[in-house]
Amino acid sequence: MQAAQPFLRSLAAAVVLCACVTTTLSSQASDRLEAEAKDLLQQYSAALESLNADAVKKLQPSIDVETLKKAFKEMRELDVTIDNVKVLSVDAALARVSCRVSQTLTPKAGSKQTTAVTRVLRLRKVQSAWVIDAFER
């Protein structure tokens, strides 16, 4: 049994080391995804603000572009801020993130409307880039 103790100590040390490396890699992957999600959402807010439905479609392929074009025709201006981005989960090519979306819509007719909500988005990796797959809430 005494001969096994050094082996068991080495094994225990290796397990601890592996756990630390895995945690570090997971943390690094999460940080990278958070940075990529922030970049995607900044591009998304810029596309919305430009009132360009085709630019929005590139970042959110599932959106009905014709409906969005009609909505944009009714707008004079749209200001969008997306912040407080947090990665909730990641599974290979899918991720869930939460964020706060604040927007001020100035219609061509009528008064400004301002809203601020927390949303959960599902992101999907397409080739080497993330796109918005869907809004969960």
N, C-alpha and C. Protein backbone atom coordinates (compact mmCIF):
# COMPACT_ATOMS: atom_id res chain seq x y z
N MET A 1 0.82 -1.19 0.00
CA MET A 1 0.00 0.00 0.00
C MET A 1 0.86 1.26 0.00
N GLN A 2 2.00 1.19 0.73
CA GLN A 2 2.89 2.35 0.80
C GLN A 2 3.44 2.70 -0.58
N ALA A 3 3.71 1.71 -1.40
CA ALA A 3 4.22 1.96 -2.74
C ALA A 3 3.19 2.66 -3.61
N ALA A 4 1.93 2.43 -3.30
CA ALA A 4 0.86 3.05 -4.08
C ALA A 4 0.64 4.51 -3.70
N GLN A 5 1.03 4.93 -2.53
CA GLN A 5 0.77 6.30 -2.07
C GLN A 5 1.40 7.36 -2.97
N PRO A 6 2.68 7.23 -3.37
CA PRO A 6 3.23 8.25 -4.27
C PRO A 6 2.46 8.32 -5.60
N PHE A 7 2.06 7.15 -6.09
CA PHE A 7 1.28 7.11 -7.32
C PHE A 7 -0.05 7.84 -7.13
N LEU A 8 -0.73 7.56 -6.01
CA LEU A 8 -2.02 8.20 -5.74
C LEU A 8 -1.86 9.71 -5.58
N ARG A 9 -0.77 10.14 -4.91
CA ARG A 9 -0.52 11.59 -4.77
C ARG A 9 -0.30 12.21 -6.15
N SER A 10 0.47 11.53 -7.01
CA SER A 10 0.72 12.03 -8.36
C SER A 10 -0.58 12.10 -9.16
N LEU A 11 -1.40 11.06 -9.01
CA LEU A 11 -2.68 11.03 -9.70
C LEU A 11 -3.57 12.16 -9.23
N ALA A 12 -3.62 12.38 -7.92
CA ALA A 12 -4.44 13.47 -7.36
C ALA A 12 -3.96 14.82 -7.87
N ALA A 13 -2.62 14.99 -7.92
CA ALA A 13 -2.06 16.25 -8.42
C ALA A 13 -2.42 16.45 -9.90
N ALA A 14 -2.37 15.37 -10.67
CA ALA A 14 -2.71 15.45 -12.10
C ALA A 14 -4.18 15.82 -12.29
N VAL A 15 -5.05 15.25 -11.45
CA VAL A 15 -6.48 15.57 -11.55
C VAL A 15 -6.71 17.04 -11.24
N VAL A 16 -6.07 17.54 -10.18
CA VAL A 16 -6.20 18.96 -9.83
C VAL A 16 -5.67 19.82 -10.96
N LEU A 17 -4.52 19.47 -11.52
CA LEU A 17 -3.95 20.22 -12.62
C LEU A 17 -4.88 20.23 -13.82
N CYS A 18 -5.44 19.09 -14.18
CA CYS A 18 -6.38 19.00 -15.31
C CYS A 18 -7.60 19.86 -15.05
N ALA A 19 -8.12 19.84 -13.84
CA ALA A 19 -9.30 20.65 -13.50
C ALA A 19 -8.98 22.12 -13.66
N CYS A 20 -7.78 22.54 -13.24
CA CYS A 20 -7.40 23.95 -13.36
C CYS A 20 -7.26 24.35 -14.82
N VAL A 21 -6.63 23.50 -15.63
CA VAL A 21 -6.46 23.80 -17.05
C VAL A 21 -7.81 23.86 -17.74
N THR A 22 -8.71 22.91 -17.43
CA THR A 22 -10.04 22.90 -18.03
C THR A 22 -10.80 24.17 -17.66
N THR A 23 -10.73 24.57 -16.39
CA THR A 23 -11.42 25.78 -15.95
C THR A 23 -10.85 26.99 -16.67
N THR A 24 -9.53 27.06 -16.82
CA THR A 24 -8.91 28.18 -17.50
C THR A 24 -9.33 28.21 -18.97
N LEU A 25 -9.31 27.06 -19.62
CA LEU A 25 -9.72 27.03 -21.03
C LEU A 25 -11.19 27.41 -21.17
N SER A 26 -12.03 26.91 -20.28
CA SER A 26 -13.45 27.24 -20.34
C SER A 26 -13.65 28.73 -20.12
N SER A 27 -12.92 29.29 -19.18
CA SER A 27 -13.01 30.72 -18.89
C SER A 27 -12.54 31.53 -20.11
N GLN A 28 -11.43 31.08 -20.72
CA GLN A 28 -10.93 31.77 -21.91
C GLN A 28 -11.93 31.67 -23.05
N ALA A 29 -12.52 30.50 -23.24
CA ALA A 29 -13.51 30.32 -24.30
C ALA A 29 -14.73 31.18 -24.04
N SER A 30 -15.16 31.25 -22.79
CA SER A 30 -16.30 32.07 -22.42
C SER A 30 -16.00 33.55 -22.65
N ASP A 31 -14.80 33.98 -22.27
CA ASP A 31 -14.41 35.38 -22.48
C ASP A 31 -14.37 35.70 -23.97
N ARG A 32 -13.84 34.76 -24.78
CA ARG A 32 -13.77 34.98 -26.23
C ARG A 32 -15.18 35.06 -26.82
N LEU A 33 -16.07 34.15 -26.39
CA LEU A 33 -17.44 34.17 -26.89
C LEU A 33 -18.13 35.47 -26.48
N GLU A 34 -17.91 35.90 -25.24
CA GLU A 34 -18.53 37.15 -24.80
C GLU A 34 -18.06 38.32 -25.67
N ALA A 35 -16.77 38.37 -25.99
CA ALA A 35 -16.24 39.42 -26.85
C ALA A 35 -16.84 39.32 -28.26
N GLU A 36 -16.95 38.10 -28.78
CA GLU A 36 -17.53 37.91 -30.11
C GLU A 36 -19.02 38.27 -30.11
N ALA A 37 -19.72 37.93 -29.04
CA ALA A 37 -21.15 38.27 -28.94
C ALA A 37 -21.33 39.78 -28.86
N LYS A 38 -20.49 40.45 -28.09
CA LYS A 38 -20.57 41.92 -28.00
C LYS A 38 -20.34 42.55 -29.36
N ASP A 39 -19.35 42.03 -30.11
CA ASP A 39 -19.07 42.55 -31.44
C ASP A 39 -20.27 42.32 -32.37
N LEU A 40 -20.83 41.11 -32.35
CA LEU A 40 -22.00 40.80 -33.17
C LEU A 40 -23.16 41.74 -32.83
N LEU A 41 -23.41 41.95 -31.55
CA LEU A 41 -24.54 42.78 -31.14
C LEU A 41 -24.30 44.26 -31.44
N GLN A 42 -23.04 44.69 -31.44
CA GLN A 42 -22.73 46.06 -31.85
C GLN A 42 -23.01 46.23 -33.34
N GLN A 43 -22.62 45.23 -34.13
CA GLN A 43 -22.91 45.26 -35.57
C GLN A 43 -24.42 45.25 -35.81
N TYR A 44 -25.13 44.46 -35.01
CA TYR A 44 -26.58 44.34 -35.12
C TYR A 44 -27.25 45.68 -34.81
N SER A 45 -26.83 46.33 -33.73
CA SER A 45 -27.43 47.62 -33.39
C SER A 45 -27.13 48.65 -34.48
N ALA A 46 -25.91 48.62 -35.03
CA ALA A 46 -25.56 49.55 -36.12
C ALA A 46 -26.42 49.28 -37.36
N ALA A 47 -26.65 48.00 -37.67
CA ALA A 47 -27.49 47.65 -38.83
C ALA A 47 -28.93 48.14 -38.61
N LEU A 48 -29.44 47.96 -37.40
CA LEU A 48 -30.79 48.44 -37.10
C LEU A 48 -30.86 49.96 -37.22
N GLU A 49 -29.87 50.64 -36.66
CA GLU A 49 -29.85 52.11 -36.70
C GLU A 49 -29.75 52.64 -38.13
N SER A 50 -29.12 51.88 -39.02
CA SER A 50 -28.99 52.32 -40.42
C SER A 50 -30.29 52.14 -41.18
N LEU A 51 -31.27 51.47 -40.53
CA LEU A 51 -32.56 51.17 -41.15
C LEU A 51 -32.37 50.39 -42.46
N ASN A 52 -31.39 49.49 -42.44
CA ASN A 52 -31.04 48.69 -43.61
C ASN A 52 -31.41 47.23 -43.33
N ALA A 53 -32.54 46.81 -43.84
CA ALA A 53 -33.05 45.46 -43.58
C ALA A 53 -32.11 44.38 -44.09
N ASP A 54 -31.44 44.61 -45.22
CA ASP A 54 -30.52 43.61 -45.76
C ASP A 54 -29.30 43.43 -44.84
N ALA A 55 -28.82 44.52 -44.23
CA ALA A 55 -27.70 44.44 -43.29
C ALA A 55 -28.12 43.67 -42.04
N VAL A 56 -29.35 43.88 -41.58
CA VAL A 56 -29.87 43.14 -40.42
C VAL A 56 -29.98 41.66 -40.76
N LYS A 57 -30.44 41.35 -41.96
CA LYS A 57 -30.63 39.97 -42.41
C LYS A 57 -29.32 39.19 -42.39
N LYS A 58 -28.19 39.84 -42.68
CA LYS A 58 -26.89 39.16 -42.66
C LYS A 58 -26.52 38.70 -41.25
N LEU A 59 -26.98 39.44 -40.25
CA LEU A 59 -26.65 39.13 -38.87
C LEU A 59 -27.72 38.29 -38.18
N GLN A 60 -28.94 38.37 -38.71
CA GLN A 60 -30.06 37.58 -38.20
C GLN A 60 -30.79 36.96 -39.39
N PRO A 61 -30.24 35.87 -39.94
CA PRO A 61 -30.77 35.29 -41.17
C PRO A 61 -32.23 34.86 -41.11
N SER A 62 -32.76 34.57 -39.93
CA SER A 62 -34.13 34.09 -39.82
C SER A 62 -35.18 35.21 -39.89
N ILE A 63 -34.76 36.45 -39.91
CA ILE A 63 -35.71 37.56 -39.89
C ILE A 63 -36.44 37.69 -41.23
N ASP A 64 -37.70 38.09 -41.17
CA ASP A 64 -38.50 38.33 -42.38
C ASP A 64 -38.10 39.72 -42.90
N VAL A 65 -37.26 39.73 -43.92
CA VAL A 65 -36.69 40.98 -44.42
C VAL A 65 -37.74 41.91 -45.02
N GLU A 66 -38.76 41.38 -45.66
CA GLU A 66 -39.80 42.24 -46.26
C GLU A 66 -40.60 42.97 -45.18
N THR A 67 -40.94 42.27 -44.11
CA THR A 67 -41.66 42.91 -43.00
C THR A 67 -40.79 43.99 -42.36
N LEU A 68 -39.50 43.69 -42.21
CA LEU A 68 -38.58 44.66 -41.63
C LEU A 68 -38.44 45.89 -42.52
N LYS A 69 -38.38 45.69 -43.82
CA LYS A 69 -38.29 46.83 -44.76
C LYS A 69 -39.51 47.73 -44.63
N LYS A 70 -40.69 47.13 -44.50
CA LYS A 70 -41.92 47.91 -44.33
C LYS A 70 -41.88 48.71 -43.03
N ALA A 71 -41.41 48.08 -41.96
CA ALA A 71 -41.31 48.76 -40.66
C ALA A 71 -40.32 49.92 -40.75
N PHE A 72 -39.18 49.70 -41.39
CA PHE A 72 -38.17 50.75 -41.51
C PHE A 72 -38.68 51.94 -42.32
N LYS A 73 -39.55 51.70 -43.31
CA LYS A 73 -40.11 52.80 -44.11
C LYS A 73 -40.94 53.75 -43.27
N GLU A 74 -41.46 53.26 -42.16
CA GLU A 74 -42.29 54.08 -41.26
C GLU A 74 -41.46 54.84 -40.23
N MET A 75 -40.14 54.60 -40.21
CA MET A 75 -39.28 55.20 -39.19
C MET A 75 -38.45 56.35 -39.75
N ARG A 76 -38.31 57.35 -38.92
CA ARG A 76 -37.40 58.45 -39.24
C ARG A 76 -36.02 58.11 -38.68
N GLU A 77 -36.01 57.55 -37.47
CA GLU A 77 -34.74 57.23 -36.81
C GLU A 77 -34.96 56.12 -35.79
N LEU A 78 -33.90 55.33 -35.59
CA LEU A 78 -33.92 54.27 -34.58
C LEU A 78 -32.56 54.26 -33.90
N ASP A 79 -32.57 54.50 -32.60
CA ASP A 79 -31.35 54.44 -31.79
C ASP A 79 -31.40 53.17 -30.96
N VAL A 80 -30.35 52.36 -31.04
CA VAL A 80 -30.32 51.08 -30.33
C VAL A 80 -29.01 50.97 -29.56
N THR A 81 -29.13 50.62 -28.29
CA THR A 81 -27.96 50.34 -27.45
C THR A 81 -28.14 48.94 -26.86
N ILE A 82 -27.12 48.11 -27.03
CA ILE A 82 -27.15 46.76 -26.47
C ILE A 82 -25.95 46.64 -25.54
N ASP A 83 -26.24 46.36 -24.26
CA ASP A 83 -25.16 46.24 -23.28
C ASP A 83 -25.47 45.13 -22.28
N ASN A 84 -24.67 45.04 -21.23
CA ASN A 84 -24.81 43.99 -20.22
C ASN A 84 -24.87 42.60 -20.85
N VAL A 85 -24.01 42.34 -21.81
CA VAL A 85 -23.98 41.05 -22.50
C VAL A 85 -23.35 40.01 -21.58
N LYS A 86 -24.07 38.89 -21.38
CA LYS A 86 -23.58 37.80 -20.53
C LYS A 86 -23.82 36.48 -21.24
N VAL A 87 -22.80 35.64 -21.27
CA VAL A 87 -22.92 34.31 -21.85
C VAL A 87 -23.63 33.42 -20.83
N LEU A 88 -24.74 32.80 -21.23
CA LEU A 88 -25.48 31.91 -20.35
C LEU A 88 -25.06 30.46 -20.54
N SER A 89 -24.86 30.06 -21.79
CA SER A 89 -24.44 28.68 -22.07
C SER A 89 -23.85 28.60 -23.47
N VAL A 90 -22.99 27.59 -23.65
CA VAL A 90 -22.36 27.35 -24.95
C VAL A 90 -22.36 25.85 -25.18
N ASP A 91 -22.74 25.45 -26.39
CA ASP A 91 -22.71 24.03 -26.74
C ASP A 91 -22.32 23.93 -28.21
N ALA A 92 -21.04 23.71 -28.46
CA ALA A 92 -20.49 23.59 -29.82
C ALA A 92 -20.83 24.82 -30.65
N ALA A 93 -21.80 24.72 -31.54
CA ALA A 93 -22.10 25.82 -32.45
C ALA A 93 -23.32 26.64 -32.02
N LEU A 94 -23.79 26.42 -30.80
CA LEU A 94 -24.92 27.21 -30.29
C LEU A 94 -24.53 27.85 -28.97
N ALA A 95 -25.04 29.06 -28.75
CA ALA A 95 -24.79 29.76 -27.49
C ALA A 95 -26.04 30.54 -27.12
N ARG A 96 -26.23 30.74 -25.82
CA ARG A 96 -27.30 31.59 -25.33
C ARG A 96 -26.67 32.74 -24.58
N VAL A 97 -27.10 33.95 -24.89
CA VAL A 97 -26.60 35.14 -24.20
C VAL A 97 -27.77 36.00 -23.77
N SER A 98 -27.57 36.71 -22.67
CA SER A 98 -28.57 37.69 -22.27
C SER A 98 -27.96 39.07 -22.48
N CYS A 99 -28.81 40.04 -22.71
CA CYS A 99 -28.34 41.41 -22.89
C CYS A 99 -29.49 42.38 -22.63
N ARG A 100 -29.14 43.60 -22.41
CA ARG A 100 -30.13 44.66 -22.23
C ARG A 100 -30.20 45.42 -23.54
N VAL A 101 -31.40 45.58 -24.07
CA VAL A 101 -31.62 46.29 -25.33
C VAL A 101 -32.44 47.53 -25.03
N SER A 102 -31.84 48.68 -25.30
CA SER A 102 -32.54 49.96 -25.14
C SER A 102 -32.70 50.56 -26.53
N GLN A 103 -33.89 51.00 -26.83
CA GLN A 103 -34.09 51.60 -28.14
C GLN A 103 -35.05 52.77 -28.07
N THR A 104 -34.78 53.74 -28.93
CA THR A 104 -35.66 54.88 -29.09
C THR A 104 -36.02 54.94 -30.56
N LEU A 105 -37.30 54.79 -30.83
CA LEU A 105 -37.82 54.79 -32.19
C LEU A 105 -38.50 56.13 -32.44
N THR A 106 -38.09 56.79 -33.50
CA THR A 106 -38.73 58.04 -33.92
C THR A 106 -39.46 57.74 -35.23
N PRO A 107 -40.79 57.62 -35.17
CA PRO A 107 -41.53 57.33 -36.41
C PRO A 107 -41.67 58.58 -37.28
N LYS A 108 -41.99 58.38 -38.54
CA LYS A 108 -42.21 59.52 -39.44
C LYS A 108 -43.45 60.28 -39.00
N ALA A 109 -44.43 59.58 -38.46
CA ALA A 109 -45.64 60.21 -37.93
C ALA A 109 -45.83 59.73 -36.49
N GLY A 110 -46.01 60.67 -35.59
CA GLY A 110 -46.20 60.29 -34.19
C GLY A 110 -45.01 60.69 -33.34
N SER A 111 -45.04 60.24 -32.09
CA SER A 111 -43.99 60.65 -31.15
C SER A 111 -43.00 59.52 -30.89
N LYS A 112 -41.86 59.91 -30.33
CA LYS A 112 -40.80 58.95 -30.00
C LYS A 112 -41.31 57.92 -29.01
N GLN A 113 -40.77 56.71 -29.14
CA GLN A 113 -41.09 55.63 -28.21
C GLN A 113 -39.77 55.05 -27.72
N THR A 114 -39.62 54.97 -26.41
CA THR A 114 -38.39 54.43 -25.83
C THR A 114 -38.72 53.18 -25.02
N THR A 115 -37.92 52.13 -25.22
CA THR A 115 -38.10 50.90 -24.46
C THR A 115 -36.72 50.39 -24.01
N ALA A 116 -36.72 49.64 -22.94
CA ALA A 116 -35.51 48.98 -22.46
C ALA A 116 -35.94 47.64 -21.87
N VAL A 117 -35.39 46.56 -22.42
CA VAL A 117 -35.73 45.21 -21.96
C VAL A 117 -34.49 44.34 -21.92
N THR A 118 -34.54 43.32 -21.08
CA THR A 118 -33.50 42.31 -21.07
C THR A 118 -33.97 41.17 -21.96
N ARG A 119 -33.12 40.77 -22.88
CA ARG A 119 -33.47 39.72 -23.84
C ARG A 119 -32.50 38.57 -23.72
N VAL A 120 -32.98 37.38 -24.07
CA VAL A 120 -32.12 36.20 -24.19
C VAL A 120 -32.12 35.83 -25.66
N LEU A 121 -30.91 35.73 -26.22
CA LEU A 121 -30.75 35.41 -27.63
C LEU A 121 -30.04 34.08 -27.77
N ARG A 122 -30.40 33.40 -28.83
CA ARG A 122 -29.69 32.17 -29.19
C ARG A 122 -28.81 32.54 -30.39
N LEU A 123 -27.51 32.28 -30.25
CA LEU A 123 -26.56 32.54 -31.32
C LEU A 123 -26.15 31.21 -31.94
N ARG A 124 -25.87 31.25 -33.22
CA ARG A 124 -25.45 30.04 -33.94
C ARG A 124 -24.16 30.37 -34.70
N LYS A 125 -23.21 29.46 -34.62
CA LYS A 125 -21.94 29.64 -35.33
C LYS A 125 -22.11 29.14 -36.76
N VAL A 126 -21.83 30.02 -37.71
CA VAL A 126 -21.90 29.67 -39.13
C VAL A 126 -20.50 29.92 -39.70
N GLN A 127 -19.87 28.84 -40.10
CA GLN A 127 -18.46 28.85 -40.50
C GLN A 127 -17.65 29.41 -39.33
N SER A 128 -17.07 30.58 -39.44
CA SER A 128 -16.26 31.10 -38.34
C SER A 128 -16.89 32.29 -37.64
N ALA A 129 -18.15 32.60 -37.98
CA ALA A 129 -18.80 33.78 -37.39
C ALA A 129 -20.11 33.40 -36.69
N TRP A 130 -20.47 34.18 -35.70
CA TRP A 130 -21.74 33.98 -35.00
C TRP A 130 -22.82 34.83 -35.66
N VAL A 131 -24.04 34.30 -35.69
CA VAL A 131 -25.22 35.04 -36.15
C VAL A 131 -26.30 34.87 -35.10
N ILE A 132 -27.29 35.74 -35.16
CA ILE A 132 -28.43 35.64 -34.24
C ILE A 132 -29.39 34.62 -34.82
N ASP A 133 -29.61 33.56 -34.08
CA ASP A 133 -30.51 32.49 -34.51
C ASP A 133 -31.95 32.83 -34.14
N ALA A 134 -32.14 33.29 -32.90
CA ALA A 134 -33.49 33.60 -32.44
C ALA A 134 -33.44 34.39 -31.13
N PHE A 135 -34.54 35.09 -30.87
CA PHE A 135 -34.74 35.73 -29.58
C PHE A 135 -35.64 34.82 -28.78
N GLU A 136 -35.21 34.43 -27.59
CA GLU A 136 -36.03 33.54 -26.76
C GLU A 136 -37.07 34.32 -25.97
N ARG A 137 -36.68 35.48 -25.50
CA ARG A 137 -37.61 36.35 -24.77
C ARG A 137 -37.08 37.74 -24.73
